[in-house]
Amino acid sequence: MLSTRFTKRFDLKYPVALAPMDPASGGRLAAAVSNAGALGLLGGGYGNHETLEKEFDLAGDAAIGCGFITWSMSKDVSLLDRAIARQPRALMLSFSDPEPFARKITDAGIPLICQVQTLNHVERAVDCGATVIVAQGTEAGGHGFDRQTTMTFTPEVADYLAAKSPSTLLLSAGGIADGRGLAAALMLGADGALMGTRFWATEEALIHQKAKDRVVEAKGGQTLRTSVFDIARGRQWPPEYTGRLMVNEFIRKWHGKEDALKQVWSEEKVRVESAYESGDYDYANVTVGQAIGLVSDLPPAASVVHRIAEQAERLLRSRSHGEASCRY
């Protein structure tokens, strides 16, 4: 019941993709997800040649893809060339116009995945030849828009693609962390789901144990969208994007006081980066979404893939047989 256009196009067992999170989605995590039958995407992040090569190597022979923060990668396009040379299963571009780089990817015979937050983004991605569109709702962890929810944005994009580009595949992202979310995404018209927070809290994720422990103990209402960590780290994100993170002392101190933070950002950068190295997550960022309320353990990534798929299949089967309820 979980065979979709996405599984058929990428020869997968399950319609699930790992979000290419920076830094969580390293080679081991991407490989574990792919080897379990889903699509693992390595996080290219802000771009570092040494890290990119190291993480591709750590993935071994696993058939993985890679994703980039487009506006940052554009400062050194040779990063994209390095990724293409690795013959990834797919390349994902997020957070900027994909057009300058789309042709390089598609000419190499690599499927292009574009993450979007508006219908204008969808139209642009289709024009650029995207094989897959990722419709990201505001519930998602990390960067995105503070606009539509996954529940409303996914079917809107599904309707648009059905009318304008029916061959383009659709993944839903934002707030999906179990089989219920995957089943819902499929019912909303998606061909699968891209998940970040659930895989962020796994054994293989490149995240400090203290940060993972915080997420396991957290509730979904403990995140918000803010730009304070971008300001403190001197990262020039396009102004329409904010990051969803778990609320901590640093956010409580500076959220709503962004102008004041800009005056002392270099000092705060030292404190934030020192806190990250030492595992002080009162001050370092914990980049997760509203799905943290659905995360209660730190299993291997393969276990996450299998139980999400099994739960979604049971739910969809029970609904197709007319059962009134099915709790897990």
Protein backbone atom coordinates (compact mmCIF):
# COMPACT_ATOMS: atom_id res chain seq x y z
CA MET A 1 0.00 0.00 0.00
CA LEU A 2 3.02 2.30 0.31
CA SER A 3 4.02 1.99 -3.32
CA THR A 4 3.86 5.50 -4.80
CA ARG A 5 5.24 7.34 -7.79
CA PHE A 6 8.13 8.41 -5.54
CA THR A 7 9.09 4.86 -4.54
CA LYS A 8 8.88 3.74 -8.16
CA ARG A 9 10.93 6.66 -9.50
CA PHE A 10 13.74 6.17 -6.99
CA ASP A 11 13.45 2.39 -6.57
CA LEU A 12 12.60 2.63 -2.86
CA LYS A 13 10.68 0.41 -0.48
CA TYR A 14 9.11 3.32 1.38
CA PRO A 15 7.96 6.85 0.39
CA VAL A 16 10.21 8.55 2.95
CA ALA A 17 13.17 10.91 2.50
CA LEU A 18 15.68 12.22 5.00
CA ALA A 19 15.88 16.02 5.11
CA PRO A 20 19.47 17.10 4.28
CA MET A 21 19.91 18.81 7.66
CA ASP A 22 23.08 20.69 8.57
CA PRO A 23 24.87 19.20 10.43
CA ALA A 24 22.69 16.26 11.51
CA SER A 25 22.44 14.49 8.15
CA GLY A 26 25.94 13.14 7.80
CA GLY A 27 27.08 10.19 5.76
CA ARG A 28 26.22 7.54 8.35
CA LEU A 29 22.68 8.82 8.79
CA ALA A 30 22.04 9.22 5.06
CA ALA A 31 23.38 5.71 4.42
CA ALA A 32 21.29 4.19 7.21
CA VAL A 33 18.11 5.73 5.80
CA SER A 34 18.88 4.63 2.24
CA ASN A 35 19.88 1.12 3.29
CA ALA A 36 16.57 0.82 5.15
CA GLY A 37 14.66 1.41 1.92
CA ALA A 38 14.06 5.17 1.96
CA LEU A 39 15.96 8.08 0.39
CA GLY A 40 18.88 9.37 2.44
CA LEU A 41 20.05 12.89 1.66
CA LEU A 42 23.40 14.12 2.90
CA GLY A 43 23.36 17.66 4.29
CA GLY A 44 25.68 19.89 2.26
CA GLY A 45 24.86 22.75 4.61
CA TYR A 46 26.71 26.02 4.25
CA GLY A 47 29.42 24.35 2.20
CA ASN A 48 32.77 22.87 3.18
CA HIS A 49 34.78 20.73 0.77
CA GLU A 50 36.53 18.68 3.41
CA THR A 51 33.31 17.90 5.28
CA LEU A 52 31.41 17.10 2.10
CA GLU A 53 34.02 14.60 0.93
CA LYS A 54 34.34 13.05 4.39
CA GLU A 55 30.62 12.50 4.76
CA PHE A 56 30.21 11.07 1.26
CA ASP A 57 33.02 8.65 2.13
CA LEU A 58 31.31 7.68 5.38
CA ALA A 59 28.19 6.75 3.42
CA GLY A 60 30.17 3.98 1.75
CA ASP A 61 28.37 2.26 -1.11
CA ALA A 62 24.90 3.42 -0.03
CA ALA A 63 22.87 5.11 -2.76
CA ILE A 64 22.38 8.54 -1.23
CA GLY A 65 21.56 12.03 -2.44
CA CYS A 66 22.72 15.42 -1.24
CA GLY A 67 21.12 18.76 -0.44
CA PHE A 68 22.43 22.32 -0.35
CA ILE A 69 21.46 25.69 1.11
CA THR A 70 21.36 27.26 -2.34
CA TRP A 71 22.28 30.86 -1.54
CA SER A 72 25.30 29.70 0.46
CA MET A 73 26.46 27.11 -2.06
CA SER A 74 26.30 29.80 -4.76
CA LYS A 75 29.38 31.40 -3.18
CA ASP A 76 31.40 28.33 -4.19
CA VAL A 77 29.69 26.40 -6.97
CA SER A 78 32.57 23.92 -7.03
CA LEU A 79 30.80 22.32 -4.05
CA LEU A 80 27.96 21.39 -6.38
CA ASP A 81 30.48 20.05 -8.89
CA ARG A 82 31.99 17.88 -6.16
CA ALA A 83 28.58 16.51 -5.27
CA ILE A 84 27.70 15.82 -8.91
CA ALA A 85 30.98 13.94 -9.34
CA ARG A 86 29.81 11.56 -6.62
CA GLN A 87 26.83 10.58 -8.82
CA PRO A 88 24.22 11.06 -6.08
CA ARG A 89 20.77 9.56 -6.32
CA ALA A 90 19.33 13.10 -6.26
CA LEU A 91 20.36 16.68 -5.52
CA MET A 92 18.15 18.97 -3.48
CA LEU A 93 18.23 22.77 -3.58
CA SER A 94 16.55 24.85 -0.86
CA PHE A 95 16.21 28.48 0.17
CA SER A 96 16.88 30.45 -3.00
CA ASP A 97 16.21 30.48 -6.73
CA PRO A 98 17.31 27.09 -8.14
CA GLU A 99 17.53 28.35 -11.73
CA PRO A 100 21.28 29.18 -11.83
CA PHE A 101 22.17 25.59 -10.89
CA ALA A 102 19.28 23.46 -12.10
CA ARG A 103 20.61 22.88 -15.61
CA LYS A 104 23.99 21.70 -14.29
CA ILE A 105 22.17 19.07 -12.22
CA THR A 106 19.67 17.89 -14.81
CA ASP A 107 22.27 17.80 -17.60
CA ALA A 108 24.24 15.39 -15.41
CA GLY A 109 21.21 13.08 -15.40
CA ILE A 110 20.61 13.64 -11.68
CA PRO A 111 17.04 14.17 -10.42
CA LEU A 112 16.53 17.68 -9.04
CA ILE A 113 14.57 18.13 -5.82
CA CYS A 114 13.43 21.66 -4.95
CA GLN A 115 12.09 22.65 -1.55
CA VAL A 116 9.44 25.36 -1.71
CA GLN A 117 7.38 27.54 0.60
CA THR A 118 5.03 29.34 -1.83
CA LEU A 119 3.21 28.60 -5.09
CA ASN A 120 5.54 31.05 -6.84
CA HIS A 121 8.42 28.85 -5.69
CA VAL A 122 6.59 25.82 -7.10
CA GLU A 123 6.16 27.45 -10.49
CA ARG A 124 9.85 28.39 -10.59
CA ALA A 125 10.94 24.89 -9.62
CA VAL A 126 8.76 23.30 -12.29
CA ASP A 127 10.18 25.67 -14.89
CA CYS A 128 13.68 24.62 -13.78
CA GLY A 129 12.93 20.97 -14.42
CA ALA A 130 12.49 19.70 -10.87
CA THR A 131 11.68 16.02 -10.63
CA VAL A 132 10.44 16.41 -7.06
CA ILE A 133 8.88 19.33 -5.20
CA VAL A 134 9.09 19.41 -1.39
CA ALA A 135 6.21 21.44 0.04
CA GLN A 136 7.50 22.71 3.39
CA GLY A 137 5.03 23.87 6.02
CA THR A 138 5.91 26.29 8.78
CA GLU A 139 5.99 23.47 11.37
CA ALA A 140 9.32 22.31 9.96
CA GLY A 141 12.51 22.63 11.94
CA GLY A 142 15.33 24.77 10.61
CA HIS A 143 14.78 27.43 8.00
CA GLY A 144 11.54 28.14 6.24
CA PHE A 145 8.66 30.59 6.04
CA ASP A 146 6.22 31.59 8.75
CA ARG A 147 3.18 31.21 6.51
CA GLN A 148 1.20 28.12 5.60
CA THR A 149 0.99 24.93 7.58
CA THR A 150 1.81 21.56 6.06
CA MET A 151 -1.86 20.57 6.26
CA THR A 152 -2.93 23.39 3.93
CA PHE A 153 0.17 23.85 1.78
CA THR A 154 0.55 20.21 0.70
CA PRO A 155 -2.88 19.87 -0.96
CA GLU A 156 -2.56 23.33 -2.52
CA VAL A 157 0.71 22.30 -4.16
CA ALA A 158 -0.79 18.93 -5.11
CA ASP A 159 -3.66 20.67 -6.89
CA TYR A 160 -1.28 23.04 -8.67
CA LEU A 161 0.93 20.21 -9.91
CA ALA A 162 -2.04 18.11 -10.99
CA ALA A 163 -3.20 20.99 -13.18
CA LYS A 164 0.14 22.36 -14.40
CA SER A 165 2.78 19.62 -14.17
CA PRO A 166 1.25 16.22 -13.36
CA SER A 167 4.51 14.32 -13.85
CA THR A 168 6.27 16.28 -11.08
CA LEU A 169 6.42 14.36 -7.81
CA LEU A 170 5.48 15.87 -4.46
CA LEU A 171 6.84 15.32 -0.96
CA SER A 172 5.29 16.88 2.12
CA ALA A 173 7.50 18.30 4.90
CA GLY A 174 6.95 19.90 8.29
CA GLY A 175 5.64 18.29 11.47
CA ILE A 176 5.74 14.72 10.11
CA ALA A 177 7.44 12.27 12.46
CA ASP A 178 5.47 9.02 12.46
CA GLY A 179 3.27 6.80 10.34
CA ARG A 180 0.21 8.94 11.00
CA GLY A 181 1.95 11.92 9.43
CA LEU A 182 3.12 9.89 6.45
CA ALA A 183 -0.36 8.49 5.89
CA ALA A 184 -1.82 11.98 6.14
CA ALA A 185 0.69 13.32 3.61
CA LEU A 186 -0.30 10.60 1.14
CA MET A 187 -3.98 11.36 1.68
CA LEU A 188 -3.31 15.07 1.09
CA GLY A 189 -1.96 14.28 -2.37
CA ALA A 190 1.77 13.89 -1.74
CA ASP A 191 3.84 11.00 -3.11
CA GLY A 192 5.75 10.74 0.15
CA ALA A 193 7.23 12.73 3.04
CA LEU A 194 10.53 14.39 3.78
CA MET A 195 11.37 14.21 7.50
CA GLY A 196 13.93 16.03 9.57
CA THR A 197 13.24 16.20 13.30
CA ARG A 198 12.45 12.49 13.71
CA PHE A 199 15.78 11.54 12.09
CA TRP A 200 17.59 14.31 13.99
CA ALA A 201 16.87 12.25 17.11
CA THR A 202 18.51 8.99 16.01
CA GLU A 203 21.72 7.18 16.87
CA GLU A 204 23.46 8.13 13.62
CA ALA A 205 22.64 11.85 13.56
CA LEU A 206 25.66 14.16 13.87
CA ILE A 207 24.26 15.87 16.95
CA HIS A 208 25.60 16.08 20.50
CA GLN A 209 23.99 13.59 22.86
CA LYS A 210 22.90 16.37 25.23
CA ALA A 211 20.91 18.04 22.44
CA LYS A 212 19.25 14.76 21.50
CA ASP A 213 18.29 14.17 25.10
CA ARG A 214 16.62 17.58 25.26
CA VAL A 215 14.48 16.78 22.25
CA VAL A 216 13.34 13.45 23.69
CA GLU A 217 12.15 15.26 26.80
CA ALA A 218 10.52 18.18 24.94
CA LYS A 219 6.98 19.02 23.92
CA GLY A 220 5.85 20.34 20.55
CA GLY A 221 5.09 23.83 21.83
CA GLN A 222 8.71 24.45 22.82
CA THR A 223 9.89 25.75 19.44
CA LEU A 224 9.54 29.05 17.62
CA ARG A 225 10.70 30.78 14.46
CA THR A 226 13.45 33.33 14.97
CA SER A 227 16.48 34.88 13.29
CA VAL A 228 18.62 35.36 16.40
CA PHE A 229 21.04 32.50 15.77
CA ASP A 230 21.57 33.63 12.17
CA ILE A 231 22.37 37.14 13.40
CA ALA A 232 24.74 35.88 16.08
CA ARG A 233 26.61 33.69 13.61
CA GLY A 234 26.79 36.37 10.93
CA ARG A 235 24.88 34.31 8.39
CA GLN A 236 23.20 36.49 5.80
CA TRP A 237 19.98 34.62 5.24
CA PRO A 238 17.38 36.16 2.93
CA PRO A 239 15.11 38.13 5.28
CA GLU A 240 11.96 36.15 4.52
CA TYR A 241 13.49 33.00 6.04
CA THR A 242 13.58 32.32 9.76
CA GLY A 243 14.76 29.26 11.62
CA ARG A 244 12.54 27.11 13.84
CA LEU A 245 14.47 26.05 16.92
CA MET A 246 13.86 24.77 20.42
CA VAL A 247 13.45 27.68 22.84
CA ASN A 248 16.42 28.11 25.18
CA GLU A 249 18.12 30.80 27.25
CA PHE A 250 19.76 32.42 24.22
CA ILE A 251 16.45 32.74 22.35
CA ARG A 252 14.65 34.07 25.42
CA LYS A 253 17.42 36.65 25.80
CA TRP A 254 17.47 37.95 22.22
CA HIS A 255 14.23 37.07 20.40
CA GLY A 256 12.42 40.36 19.82
CA LYS A 257 15.64 42.29 20.42
CA GLU A 258 17.27 41.59 17.07
CA ASP A 259 18.49 45.17 16.53
CA ALA A 260 20.34 45.10 19.84
CA LEU A 261 21.83 41.71 18.98
CA LYS A 262 23.19 43.06 15.71
CA GLN A 263 25.30 45.51 17.71
CA VAL A 264 27.07 42.72 19.66
CA TRP A 265 26.77 39.79 17.27
CA SER A 266 30.50 39.10 17.06
CA GLU A 267 30.73 38.68 20.82
CA GLU A 268 27.66 36.46 20.89
CA LYS A 269 29.05 34.38 18.04
CA VAL A 270 31.99 33.37 20.20
CA ARG A 271 29.67 32.39 23.04
CA VAL A 272 27.27 30.46 20.79
CA GLU A 273 30.00 28.51 19.03
CA SER A 274 31.78 27.77 22.30
CA ALA A 275 28.50 26.51 23.76
CA TYR A 276 27.96 24.27 20.74
CA GLU A 277 31.40 22.70 21.13
CA SER A 278 30.92 22.10 24.85
CA GLY A 279 27.34 20.85 24.61
CA ASP A 280 25.79 23.80 26.44
CA TYR A 281 22.34 23.88 24.86
CA ASP A 282 21.09 26.67 27.03
CA TYR A 283 23.08 28.82 24.62
CA ALA A 284 23.71 26.65 21.55
CA ASN A 285 20.94 26.07 19.04
CA VAL A 286 18.76 22.97 18.90
CA THR A 287 17.39 23.05 15.36
CA VAL A 288 14.20 21.01 15.39
CA GLY A 289 10.55 21.51 14.51
CA GLN A 290 7.17 21.12 16.13
CA ALA A 291 7.36 17.35 15.66
CA ILE A 292 9.54 17.11 18.79
CA GLY A 293 6.35 16.38 20.72
CA LEU A 294 6.17 13.09 18.79
CA VAL A 295 9.77 12.08 19.55
CA SER A 296 10.33 9.98 22.68
CA ASP A 297 13.39 7.85 21.93
CA LEU A 298 16.73 7.73 20.11
CA PRO A 299 16.61 4.61 17.93
CA PRO A 300 18.71 3.62 14.93
CA ALA A 301 17.53 5.38 11.77
CA ALA A 302 16.58 2.10 10.11
CA SER A 303 14.17 1.38 12.95
CA VAL A 304 12.55 4.77 12.42
CA VAL A 305 12.06 4.09 8.71
CA HIS A 306 10.53 0.67 9.27
CA ARG A 307 8.13 1.59 12.05
CA ILE A 308 6.93 4.75 10.29
CA ALA A 309 6.23 2.73 7.15
CA GLU A 310 4.55 -0.10 9.03
CA GLN A 311 2.33 2.27 11.01
CA ALA A 312 1.34 4.21 7.89
CA GLU A 313 0.50 1.01 6.04
CA ARG A 314 -1.65 -0.30 8.90
CA LEU A 315 -3.50 2.97 9.10
CA LEU A 316 -4.17 3.19 5.39
CA ARG A 317 -5.24 -0.44 5.25
CA SER A 318 -7.62 -0.01 8.20
CA ARG A 319 -9.20 3.06 6.62
CA SER A 320 -9.60 1.29 3.28
CA HIS A 321 -11.43 -1.50 5.12
CA GLY A 322 -13.75 0.98 6.77
CA GLU A 323 -12.59 0.62 10.37
CA ALA A 324 -13.73 3.44 12.60
CA SER A 325 -10.52 4.02 14.52
CA CYS A 326 -6.98 2.79 14.81
CA ARG A 327 -4.69 4.06 17.59
CA TYR A 328 -0.95 3.49 17.94
